[in-house]
């Protein structure tokens, strides 16, 4: 390479880019665990041996759930959208050729895993019908199943209640593998990236403000699906804006570090209080907490790396997507199994059951990921769309 073709990169720039990248990687696994915790604690009605259990009768468990809601709920997915937008536009100028190449790549990384794991979730009720699971899922045999083609196809987009009417925590704005609503909406946003890029170039930060205001306000109208899509477009576009305009996240987010260190726990505690006393203002506090939480999480990751408290574990970081796309299929089964074995009779013992269910699920998925990566890496690559 001639002298004229060389690009001079300063050492401190390399260090900053490396820190920025490692900070995002460090967040991946904890965010997946947070989602696992939230979805496990969302299951509050259990049917075992034909007997219905409601854990909401235990005030201690309810208090813990409010604590989880204040500090963890709705925090992970917006950060995932932000990271997706930042990475999508990172490193290259926008061209039609690059857009087509990225679309082809997303077929492997998003669409194929989306279809595979929703298919697995669709077939799972057939396993629940086996006699060995009758104690854990007694209501399954009582349901009238509608497996018509129209219902099956719609379950890949919005779950028909007739297909999954037992222990359903996902609602009807998610596919049958509930957590994959994030992948579904991310694919929609990716298809719209040429328009987003055009708007970002012309409107710059005004587009982010506009989407942010719409996202903040729509929660008051209980629009469900619209809220989900606005969340996807707002946080993805925010991350994309940082990349397209060459913003340094270390500097942009770092200047708010002190404020977020105070505001994040304060807003979380206010939300917990509001959930008891002023439920009408709780949604406003949660929206603010989600925004502050994104910046807080990134700054925390930077601080942990700078201080040498922890470093990126490549195995855990690479397992995060596998944990995310698979946990929704097994958490109800694991929780009911643990509940059936322990038979809790107090708020504290119920909490221990849920905590143990999280640990069992996480351990099982990490072991599965390890075995698949070691013995069938090709299969794992197809199932997760990752190398």
Protein backbone atom coordinates (compact mmCIF):
# COMPACT_ATOMS: atom_id res chain seq x y z
CA UNK A 1 0.00 0.00 0.00
CA UNK A 2 1.36 3.41 -0.96
CA UNK A 3 1.79 6.22 1.52
CA UNK A 4 -1.03 8.17 -0.16
CA UNK A 5 -3.50 5.33 0.41
CA UNK A 6 -2.83 4.89 4.09
CA UNK A 7 -5.41 6.10 6.58
CA UNK A 8 -4.04 7.53 9.79
CA UNK A 9 -5.95 6.29 12.85
CA UNK A 10 -4.92 7.64 16.19
CA UNK A 11 -4.43 5.13 19.03
CA UNK A 12 -6.92 6.88 21.31
CA UNK A 13 -9.56 6.67 18.53
CA UNK A 14 -9.01 2.92 18.30
CA UNK A 15 -9.37 2.66 22.08
CA UNK A 16 -12.61 4.67 22.06
CA UNK A 17 -14.09 2.60 19.23
CA UNK A 18 -13.11 -0.60 21.04
CA UNK A 19 -14.67 0.63 24.29
CA UNK A 20 -17.85 1.64 22.51
CA UNK A 21 -18.14 -1.78 20.86
CA UNK A 22 -17.32 -3.69 24.04
CA UNK A 23 -19.87 -1.67 26.01
CA UNK A 24 -22.62 -2.73 23.63
CA UNK A 25 -21.43 -6.36 23.73
CA UNK A 26 -21.32 -6.30 27.52
CA UNK A 27 -25.01 -5.34 27.64
CA UNK A 28 -26.30 -8.18 25.47
CA UNK A 29 -26.30 -11.02 27.99
CA UNK A 30 -27.59 -9.07 31.02
CA UNK A 31 -30.42 -7.67 28.91
CA UNK A 32 -31.42 -11.20 27.84
CA UNK A 33 -31.41 -12.34 31.48
CA UNK A 34 -33.56 -9.35 32.46
CA UNK A 35 -36.11 -10.33 29.82
CA UNK A 36 -36.09 -13.91 31.10
CA UNK A 37 -36.73 -12.68 34.66
CA UNK A 38 -39.58 -10.40 33.59
CA UNK A 39 -41.34 -13.02 31.49
CA UNK A 40 -41.05 -15.62 34.25
CA UNK A 41 -42.54 -13.28 36.86
CA UNK A 42 -45.30 -12.34 34.41
CA UNK A 43 -46.77 -15.84 34.81
CA UNK A 44 -48.97 -15.37 37.86
CA UNK A 45 -51.78 -17.85 37.23
CA UNK A 46 -50.84 -21.55 37.36
CA UNK A 47 -52.95 -24.69 36.85
CA UNK A 48 -51.39 -27.83 38.36
CA UNK A 49 -53.22 -31.14 38.85
CA UNK A 50 -56.42 -29.32 37.93
CA UNK A 51 -55.98 -26.85 40.77
CA UNK A 52 -55.68 -23.14 40.05
CA UNK A 53 -52.99 -21.14 41.84
CA UNK A 54 -52.77 -17.35 41.91
CA UNK A 55 -49.54 -15.99 43.35
CA UNK A 56 -51.01 -12.49 43.60
CA UNK A 57 -52.53 -13.42 46.95
CA UNK A 58 -49.06 -13.08 48.49
CA UNK A 59 -48.34 -9.42 49.23
CA UNK A 60 -44.61 -10.06 49.46
CA UNK A 61 -44.53 -11.50 45.95
CA UNK A 62 -46.57 -8.58 44.64
CA UNK A 63 -44.08 -6.16 46.22
CA UNK A 64 -41.17 -7.96 44.57
CA UNK A 65 -42.98 -7.85 41.24
CA UNK A 66 -43.46 -4.09 41.61
CA UNK A 67 -39.74 -3.78 42.34
CA UNK A 68 -38.93 -5.74 39.17
CA UNK A 69 -41.35 -3.55 37.22
CA UNK A 70 -39.75 -0.37 38.49
CA UNK A 71 -36.15 -1.30 37.83
CA UNK A 72 -36.25 -3.84 35.00
CA UNK A 73 -39.52 -4.06 33.09
CA UNK A 74 -39.59 -2.58 29.55
CA UNK A 75 -35.90 -1.65 29.73
CA UNK A 76 -34.22 -4.35 27.62
CA UNK A 77 -36.12 -4.33 24.31
CA UNK A 78 -35.74 -0.55 23.70
CA UNK A 79 -31.99 -0.95 24.20
CA UNK A 80 -31.97 -3.87 21.75
CA UNK A 81 -33.78 -1.70 19.19
CA UNK A 82 -31.26 1.10 19.80
CA UNK A 83 -28.28 -1.24 19.34
CA UNK A 84 -29.86 -2.69 16.17
CA UNK A 85 -30.28 0.77 14.65
CA UNK A 86 -26.77 1.81 15.60
CA UNK A 87 -25.17 -1.33 14.16
CA UNK A 88 -27.29 -1.33 10.99
CA UNK A 89 -25.88 1.98 9.76
CA UNK A 90 -22.41 1.61 11.23
CA UNK A 91 -19.30 2.04 9.15
CA UNK A 92 -20.43 2.65 5.57
CA UNK A 93 -22.18 5.22 3.43
CA UNK A 94 -25.70 4.28 2.39
CA UNK A 95 -26.22 2.82 -1.09
CA UNK A 96 -28.84 0.63 -2.72
CA UNK A 97 -26.29 -2.16 -3.04
CA UNK A 98 -25.48 -2.05 0.68
CA UNK A 99 -29.19 -1.98 1.54
CA UNK A 100 -29.87 -5.11 -0.55
CA UNK A 101 -26.87 -6.87 0.99
CA UNK A 102 -28.10 -5.99 4.50
CA UNK A 103 -31.59 -7.25 3.65
CA UNK A 104 -30.16 -10.58 2.51
CA UNK A 105 -28.15 -10.77 5.72
CA UNK A 106 -31.26 -10.08 7.82
CA UNK A 107 -33.06 -12.96 6.13
CA UNK A 108 -30.49 -15.26 7.76
CA UNK A 109 -30.16 -13.42 11.08
CA UNK A 110 -33.82 -12.51 11.65
CA UNK A 111 -36.37 -14.13 9.33
CA UNK A 112 -35.14 -17.74 9.36
CA UNK A 113 -34.77 -17.94 13.19
CA UNK A 114 -38.16 -16.20 13.49
CA UNK A 115 -39.86 -18.87 11.38
CA UNK A 116 -38.01 -21.77 13.03
CA UNK A 117 -38.80 -20.86 16.63
CA UNK A 118 -42.39 -19.85 16.00
CA UNK A 119 -42.83 -23.25 14.34
CA UNK A 120 -41.34 -24.94 17.40
CA UNK A 121 -43.72 -22.98 19.63
CA UNK A 122 -46.65 -23.94 17.40
CA UNK A 123 -45.82 -27.65 17.71
CA UNK A 124 -45.26 -27.49 21.46
CA UNK A 125 -48.95 -27.94 22.41
CA UNK A 126 -48.74 -31.39 20.86
CA UNK A 127 -46.07 -32.23 23.45
CA UNK A 128 -48.21 -30.80 26.23
CA UNK A 129 -50.94 -33.25 25.22
CA UNK A 130 -48.70 -36.21 26.13
CA UNK A 131 -49.86 -38.07 29.27
CA UNK A 132 -46.60 -37.35 31.15
CA UNK A 133 -47.44 -33.61 31.14
CA UNK A 134 -51.09 -33.95 32.12
CA UNK A 135 -50.41 -32.87 35.72
CA UNK A 136 -48.66 -29.66 34.65
CA UNK A 137 -51.08 -28.76 31.85
CA UNK A 138 -54.46 -30.27 32.75
CA UNK A 139 -56.45 -27.57 30.94
CA UNK A 140 -54.85 -28.34 27.59
CA UNK A 141 -56.98 -31.46 27.16
CA UNK A 142 -60.15 -29.45 27.79
CA UNK A 143 -59.56 -26.91 25.03
CA UNK A 144 -61.06 -27.06 21.57
CA UNK A 145 -58.07 -26.51 19.33
CA UNK A 146 -58.40 -24.64 16.06
CA UNK A 147 -55.50 -25.64 13.82
CA UNK A 148 -56.94 -24.35 10.57
CA UNK A 149 -54.43 -22.96 8.09
CA UNK A 150 -55.61 -19.39 8.61
CA UNK A 151 -55.10 -19.70 12.38
CA UNK A 152 -51.71 -21.33 11.96
CA UNK A 153 -50.45 -18.66 9.57
CA UNK A 154 -51.75 -15.85 11.76
CA UNK A 155 -49.91 -17.31 14.75
CA UNK A 156 -46.66 -16.35 13.03
CA UNK A 157 -47.75 -12.72 13.23
CA UNK A 158 -50.39 -12.09 15.91
CA UNK A 159 -51.32 -15.02 18.11
CA UNK A 160 -54.94 -16.24 17.81
CA UNK A 161 -56.24 -16.88 21.31
CA UNK A 162 -57.76 -20.20 20.22
CA UNK A 163 -54.36 -21.70 19.47
CA UNK A 164 -52.67 -20.82 22.74
CA UNK A 165 -55.27 -20.27 25.41
CA UNK A 166 -53.42 -21.67 28.41
CA UNK A 167 -50.97 -19.73 30.55
CA UNK A 168 -50.77 -17.14 27.79
CA UNK A 169 -48.83 -14.06 28.90
CA UNK A 170 -48.10 -12.64 25.46
CA UNK A 171 -51.51 -11.32 24.44
CA UNK A 172 -52.62 -10.98 20.83
CA UNK A 173 -50.00 -8.46 19.66
CA UNK A 174 -47.25 -11.08 19.59
CA UNK A 175 -46.55 -14.23 17.57
CA UNK A 176 -46.92 -17.63 19.22
CA UNK A 177 -43.32 -17.46 20.48
CA UNK A 178 -44.21 -14.27 22.31
CA UNK A 179 -40.80 -12.59 22.77
CA UNK A 180 -40.27 -12.69 19.00
CA UNK A 181 -42.54 -9.68 18.55
CA UNK A 182 -39.26 -7.79 18.82
CA UNK A 183 -37.86 -9.66 15.79
CA UNK A 184 -41.10 -9.16 13.86
CA UNK A 185 -41.13 -5.41 14.44
CA UNK A 186 -37.39 -5.14 13.83
CA UNK A 187 -37.89 -6.72 10.40
CA UNK A 188 -40.58 -4.14 9.64
CA UNK A 189 -38.24 -1.30 10.61
CA UNK A 190 -35.38 -2.78 8.56
CA UNK A 191 -37.60 -2.79 5.47
CA UNK A 192 -38.24 0.91 6.07
CA UNK A 193 -34.57 1.88 6.52
CA UNK A 194 -34.25 3.68 3.13
CA UNK A 195 -37.03 6.05 4.24
CA UNK A 196 -35.51 6.39 7.71
CA UNK A 197 -32.10 7.18 6.24
CA UNK A 198 -33.59 9.83 3.95
CA UNK A 199 -35.47 11.41 6.88
CA UNK A 200 -32.44 11.27 9.18
CA UNK A 201 -30.30 13.06 6.61
CA UNK A 202 -32.83 15.86 6.24
CA UNK A 203 -34.49 16.12 9.64
CA UNK A 204 -31.53 14.93 11.75
CA UNK A 205 -32.34 15.10 15.47
CA UNK A 206 -35.78 16.60 14.81
CA UNK A 207 -36.96 13.20 13.57
CA UNK A 208 -35.84 11.60 16.84
CA UNK A 209 -37.67 14.26 18.84
CA UNK A 210 -40.83 13.74 16.77
CA UNK A 211 -40.79 9.95 17.13
CA UNK A 212 -39.92 10.29 20.82
CA UNK A 213 -42.87 12.58 21.50
CA UNK A 214 -45.25 10.25 19.63
CA UNK A 215 -43.88 7.24 21.53
CA UNK A 216 -44.24 9.07 24.84
CA UNK A 217 -47.84 10.13 24.15
CA UNK A 218 -49.28 6.99 22.55
CA UNK A 219 -49.20 5.06 25.83
CA UNK A 220 -52.11 7.17 27.11
CA UNK A 221 -54.42 5.87 24.35
CA UNK A 222 -53.98 2.11 24.89
CA UNK A 223 -53.29 1.45 21.21
CA UNK A 224 -51.27 -1.72 21.80
CA UNK A 225 -49.83 -2.56 18.38
CA UNK A 226 -49.20 1.10 17.52
CA UNK A 227 -47.27 1.50 20.77
CA UNK A 228 -45.07 -1.48 19.88
CA UNK A 229 -44.29 -0.15 16.42
CA UNK A 230 -43.55 3.35 17.66
CA UNK A 231 -41.18 1.88 20.23
CA UNK A 232 -39.40 -0.01 17.46
CA UNK A 233 -39.13 2.99 15.12
CA UNK A 234 -38.15 5.47 17.84
CA UNK A 235 -35.33 3.53 19.47
CA UNK A 236 -34.03 2.04 16.22
CA UNK A 237 -33.99 5.51 14.66
CA UNK A 238 -32.23 6.94 17.71
CA UNK A 239 -29.45 4.39 17.34
CA UNK A 240 -29.37 4.94 13.57
CA UNK A 241 -29.08 8.70 14.09
CA UNK A 242 -25.96 8.17 16.21
CA UNK A 243 -24.34 6.15 13.41
CA UNK A 244 -25.47 8.17 10.41
CA UNK A 245 -24.28 11.43 11.95
CA UNK A 246 -21.09 10.03 13.43
CA UNK A 247 -22.05 10.73 17.04
CA UNK A 248 -19.67 9.52 19.73
CA UNK A 249 -21.81 7.64 22.25
CA UNK A 250 -19.09 7.80 24.88
CA UNK A 251 -19.26 11.58 24.78
CA UNK A 252 -22.98 12.01 24.05
CA UNK A 253 -24.18 9.67 26.80
CA UNK A 254 -21.24 10.25 29.13
CA UNK A 255 -22.19 13.86 29.80
CA UNK A 256 -25.47 12.67 31.31
CA UNK A 257 -23.80 10.07 33.53
CA UNK A 258 -24.26 11.84 36.86
CA UNK A 259 -27.85 12.75 36.13
CA UNK A 260 -28.84 9.23 35.05
CA UNK A 261 -27.15 7.72 38.10
CA UNK A 262 -29.56 9.74 40.21
CA UNK A 263 -32.65 9.72 38.00
CA UNK A 264 -32.76 6.02 37.11
CA UNK A 265 -33.17 4.64 40.66
CA UNK A 266 -35.28 7.66 41.65
CA UNK A 267 -37.74 7.12 38.79
CA UNK A 268 -37.82 3.40 39.51
CA UNK A 269 -38.74 4.04 43.14
CA UNK A 270 -41.32 6.64 42.11
CA UNK A 271 -42.87 4.12 39.73
CA UNK A 272 -43.08 1.50 42.49
CA UNK A 273 -44.78 4.05 44.75
CA UNK A 274 -47.12 5.20 41.99
CA UNK A 275 -48.15 1.60 41.25
CA UNK A 276 -49.65 1.53 44.77
CA UNK A 277 -50.82 5.12 45.22
CA UNK A 278 -51.15 6.90 41.85
CA UNK A 279 -51.54 4.31 39.08
CA UNK A 280 -52.72 7.02 36.67
CA UNK A 281 -49.25 8.64 36.67
CA UNK A 282 -47.27 5.39 36.74
CA UNK A 283 -47.17 5.12 32.92
CA UNK A 284 -45.62 8.59 32.63
CA UNK A 285 -42.93 7.73 35.17
CA UNK A 286 -42.19 4.44 33.38
CA UNK A 287 -41.77 6.18 30.03
CA UNK A 288 -39.24 8.56 31.58
CA UNK A 289 -37.49 5.66 33.26
CA UNK A 290 -37.13 3.78 29.97
CA UNK A 291 -35.41 6.77 28.37
CA UNK A 292 -33.10 7.35 31.33
CA UNK A 293 -32.50 3.60 31.64
CA UNK A 294 -31.02 3.33 28.15
CA UNK A 295 -28.38 5.98 28.86
CA UNK A 296 -27.82 4.63 32.39
CA UNK A 297 -27.24 1.08 31.13
CA UNK A 298 -24.70 2.19 28.52
CA UNK A 299 -22.80 4.41 30.95
CA UNK A 300 -22.78 1.60 33.52
CA UNK A 301 -21.28 -0.79 30.96
CA UNK A 302 -18.60 1.79 30.07
CA UNK A 303 -17.77 2.33 33.74
CA UNK A 304 -17.51 -1.41 34.46
CA UNK A 305 -15.11 -1.85 31.55
CA UNK A 306 -13.02 1.22 32.34
CA UNK A 307 -12.61 0.20 35.98
CA UNK A 308 -11.74 -3.36 35.04
CA UNK A 309 -14.59 -4.71 37.18
CA UNK A 310 -15.70 -6.99 34.37
CA UNK A 311 -14.99 -7.69 30.74
CA UNK A 312 -16.95 -9.06 27.82
CA UNK A 313 -17.43 -12.82 27.99
CA UNK A 314 -17.70 -13.90 24.37
CA UNK A 315 -19.58 -17.09 25.19
CA UNK A 316 -22.25 -15.28 27.21
CA UNK A 317 -22.52 -12.43 24.70
CA UNK A 318 -22.96 -14.87 21.82
CA UNK A 319 -25.56 -16.89 23.77
CA UNK A 320 -27.82 -13.88 24.43
CA UNK A 321 -29.80 -14.14 21.19
CA UNK A 322 -30.31 -17.88 21.67
CA UNK A 323 -31.62 -17.25 25.20
CA UNK A 324 -33.92 -14.53 23.94
CA UNK A 325 -35.55 -16.50 21.12
CA UNK A 326 -35.96 -19.77 23.07
CA UNK A 327 -36.86 -18.86 26.65
CA UNK A 328 -40.50 -18.03 25.93
CA UNK A 329 -41.11 -21.61 24.80
CA UNK A 330 -40.00 -23.32 28.02
CA UNK A 331 -40.48 -20.89 30.92
CA UNK A 332 -44.06 -21.95 31.69
CA UNK A 333 -43.05 -25.61 31.73
CA UNK A 334 -40.04 -24.97 33.98
CA UNK A 335 -41.99 -22.74 36.37
CA UNK A 336 -44.84 -25.21 36.72
CA UNK A 337 -42.38 -28.05 37.28
CA UNK A 338 -40.55 -26.18 40.04
CA UNK A 339 -43.85 -25.03 41.58
CA UNK A 340 -45.16 -28.60 41.54
CA UNK A 341 -42.04 -29.93 43.29
CA UNK A 342 -41.67 -27.21 45.92
CA UNK A 343 -45.35 -26.44 46.66
CA UNK A 344 -44.72 -22.96 48.15
CA UNK A 345 -47.04 -21.71 50.87
CA UNK A 346 -45.74 -18.19 51.57
CA UNK A 347 -44.77 -15.07 49.65
CA UNK A 348 -41.07 -15.70 50.26
CA UNK A 349 -41.23 -19.33 49.15
CA UNK A 350 -43.15 -18.30 46.02
CA UNK A 351 -40.38 -15.83 45.23
CA UNK A 352 -37.80 -18.59 45.71
CA UNK A 353 -39.73 -20.80 43.29
CA UNK A 354 -39.71 -18.07 40.65
CA UNK A 355 -36.02 -17.30 41.23
CA UNK A 356 -35.20 -21.00 40.98
CA UNK A 357 -37.22 -21.26 37.77
CA UNK A 358 -35.18 -18.42 36.29
CA UNK A 359 -31.95 -20.15 37.32
CA UNK A 360 -33.03 -23.54 35.95
CA UNK A 361 -34.17 -22.03 32.65
CA UNK A 362 -30.99 -20.01 32.22
CA UNK A 363 -28.75 -22.97 33.08
CA UNK A 364 -30.62 -25.28 30.71
CA UNK A 365 -30.43 -22.79 27.83
CA UNK A 366 -26.73 -22.06 28.39
CA UNK A 367 -25.96 -25.78 28.46
CA UNK A 368 -28.04 -26.31 25.32
CA UNK A 369 -26.24 -23.47 23.57
CA UNK A 370 -22.85 -24.85 24.60
CA UNK A 371 -23.65 -28.37 23.36
CA UNK A 372 -25.10 -27.11 20.09
CA UNK A 373 -22.11 -24.86 19.47
CA UNK A 374 -19.66 -27.67 20.20
CA UNK A 375 -21.31 -30.60 18.44
CA UNK A 376 -23.69 -29.11 15.84
CA UNK A 377 -22.40 -25.59 15.06
CA UNK A 378 -24.00 -25.65 11.61
CA UNK A 379 -27.43 -26.34 13.09
CA UNK A 380 -26.95 -23.63 15.71
CA UNK A 381 -25.97 -21.15 13.01
CA UNK A 382 -29.20 -21.82 11.13
CA UNK A 383 -31.38 -21.69 14.26
CA UNK A 384 -29.93 -18.41 15.48
CA UNK A 385 -28.71 -16.82 12.26
CA UNK A 386 -25.36 -16.20 13.97
CA UNK A 387 -21.86 -17.39 13.13
